[in-house]
Amino acid sequence: MPSPEERLEALEKTVQRIDRRLGHLEGWATLRGAPPLAGERRPDADSGPSSMQAAAPRERSWAAEGIELEDLLGGRVLAWVGGSAVLLGVVFFLVMAVSRGWID
């Protein structure tokens, strides 16, 4: 069984590795133009990865970006369409059942 010092050292190495990977991913997201999340902190380009500064949240301008298909067909719209389709199917089934004499 490893000693507490060895376990702590292994944990510190793991945290450092995760920190490096996260810094790499944040840099990749910045290059791809991903907007920062509200209250997100990103590394300052001049002082290296250990110095962090708060990034101001960016408001989304629909006039500048335009409405995308994903915004138009969001979860709420798809839920309404699905519910309407189920309701219409039930109505068609009842009409067919009455016409064939299954229901009086």
Protein backbone atom coordinates (compact mmCIF):
# COMPACT_ATOMS: atom_id res chain seq x y z
CA MET A 1 0.00 0.00 0.00
CA PRO A 2 1.50 3.38 -1.00
CA SER A 3 2.27 5.90 1.68
CA PRO A 4 0.14 9.06 2.01
CA GLU A 5 3.01 11.12 0.59
CA GLU A 6 3.19 8.92 -2.52
CA ARG A 7 -0.57 9.06 -2.97
CA LEU A 8 -0.52 12.86 -2.60
CA GLU A 9 2.31 13.13 -5.13
CA ALA A 10 0.42 10.94 -7.62
CA LEU A 11 -2.69 13.06 -7.09
CA GLU A 12 -0.75 16.27 -7.72
CA LYS A 13 0.66 14.84 -10.97
CA THR A 14 -2.82 13.86 -12.08
CA VAL A 15 -4.19 17.32 -11.31
CA GLN A 16 -1.31 18.94 -13.24
CA ARG A 17 -1.95 16.67 -16.24
CA ILE A 18 -5.67 17.49 -16.18
CA ASP A 19 -4.86 21.20 -15.85
CA ARG A 20 -2.58 21.05 -18.92
CA ARG A 21 -5.25 19.22 -20.95
CA LEU A 22 -7.91 21.69 -19.88
CA GLY A 23 -5.67 24.60 -20.87
CA HIS A 24 -5.14 22.95 -24.26
CA LEU A 25 -8.89 22.50 -24.75
CA GLU A 26 -9.63 26.08 -23.71
CA GLY A 27 -7.08 27.31 -26.22
CA TRP A 28 -8.65 25.15 -28.91
CA ALA A 29 -12.13 26.50 -28.09
CA THR A 30 -10.80 30.07 -28.20
CA LEU A 31 -9.27 29.47 -31.63
CA ARG A 32 -12.57 28.04 -32.88
CA GLY A 33 -14.35 31.21 -31.77
CA ALA A 34 -16.43 29.67 -28.99
CA PRO A 35 -17.92 32.39 -26.76
CA PRO A 36 -16.86 32.31 -23.11
CA LEU A 37 -19.38 31.13 -20.58
CA ALA A 38 -20.71 33.58 -17.99
CA GLY A 39 -18.05 34.03 -15.31
CA GLU A 40 -15.55 31.85 -17.19
CA ARG A 41 -11.89 32.54 -16.60
CA ARG A 42 -9.41 32.17 -19.42
CA PRO A 43 -5.63 32.44 -19.34
CA ASP A 44 -4.09 35.80 -20.14
CA ALA A 45 -1.97 35.63 -23.29
CA ASP A 46 0.89 37.73 -21.82
CA SER A 47 1.37 36.10 -18.44
CA GLY A 48 1.02 32.37 -19.13
CA PRO A 49 -1.45 29.70 -18.09
CA SER A 50 -1.22 30.25 -14.32
CA SER A 51 -2.56 33.81 -14.44
CA MET A 52 -6.30 33.94 -15.01
CA GLN A 53 -8.56 36.90 -15.62
CA ALA A 54 -12.34 37.04 -15.64
CA ALA A 55 -13.87 37.12 -19.09
CA ALA A 56 -16.94 39.30 -19.53
CA PRO A 57 -20.00 37.36 -20.66
CA ARG A 58 -20.84 38.02 -24.30
CA GLU A 59 -24.44 38.72 -25.16
CA ARG A 60 -25.85 36.99 -28.19
CA SER A 61 -27.05 39.26 -30.95
CA TRP A 62 -29.66 37.54 -33.11
CA ALA A 63 -29.71 40.41 -35.56
CA ALA A 64 -25.99 40.03 -36.24
CA GLU A 65 -25.90 36.23 -36.33
CA GLY A 66 -29.28 35.45 -37.84
CA ILE A 67 -31.59 32.66 -36.75
CA GLU A 68 -30.19 29.20 -37.35
CA LEU A 69 -32.11 25.99 -37.97
CA GLU A 70 -31.14 24.68 -34.54
CA ASP A 71 -32.68 27.73 -32.90
CA LEU A 72 -35.85 27.38 -34.95
CA LEU A 73 -36.21 23.65 -34.27
CA GLY A 74 -35.34 23.73 -30.59
CA GLY A 75 -36.51 21.19 -28.04
CA ARG A 76 -39.75 22.99 -27.25
CA VAL A 77 -40.86 23.16 -30.90
CA LEU A 78 -40.02 19.50 -31.48
CA ALA A 79 -41.96 18.53 -28.33
CA TRP A 80 -45.05 20.35 -29.62
CA VAL A 81 -44.73 18.74 -33.06
CA GLY A 82 -44.34 15.29 -31.52
CA GLY A 83 -47.32 15.79 -29.19
CA SER A 84 -49.45 16.99 -32.09
CA ALA A 85 -48.47 13.97 -34.19
CA VAL A 86 -49.44 11.58 -31.38
CA LEU A 87 -52.76 13.35 -30.86
CA LEU A 88 -53.50 13.27 -34.60
CA GLY A 89 -52.65 9.55 -34.68
CA VAL A 90 -55.07 8.85 -31.83
CA VAL A 91 -57.82 10.78 -33.62
CA PHE A 92 -57.23 8.89 -36.90
CA PHE A 93 -57.24 5.58 -35.01
CA LEU A 94 -60.58 6.40 -33.34
CA VAL A 95 -62.12 7.48 -36.68
CA MET A 96 -60.96 4.24 -38.29
CA ALA A 97 -62.24 2.17 -35.36
CA VAL A 98 -65.68 3.78 -35.57
CA SER A 99 -65.87 3.34 -39.38
CA ARG A 100 -64.99 -0.38 -39.13
CA GLY A 101 -67.45 -0.99 -36.31
CA TRP A 102 -64.84 -1.72 -33.62
CA ILE A 103 -66.37 1.05 -31.48
CA ASP A 104 -70.13 1.74 -31.48
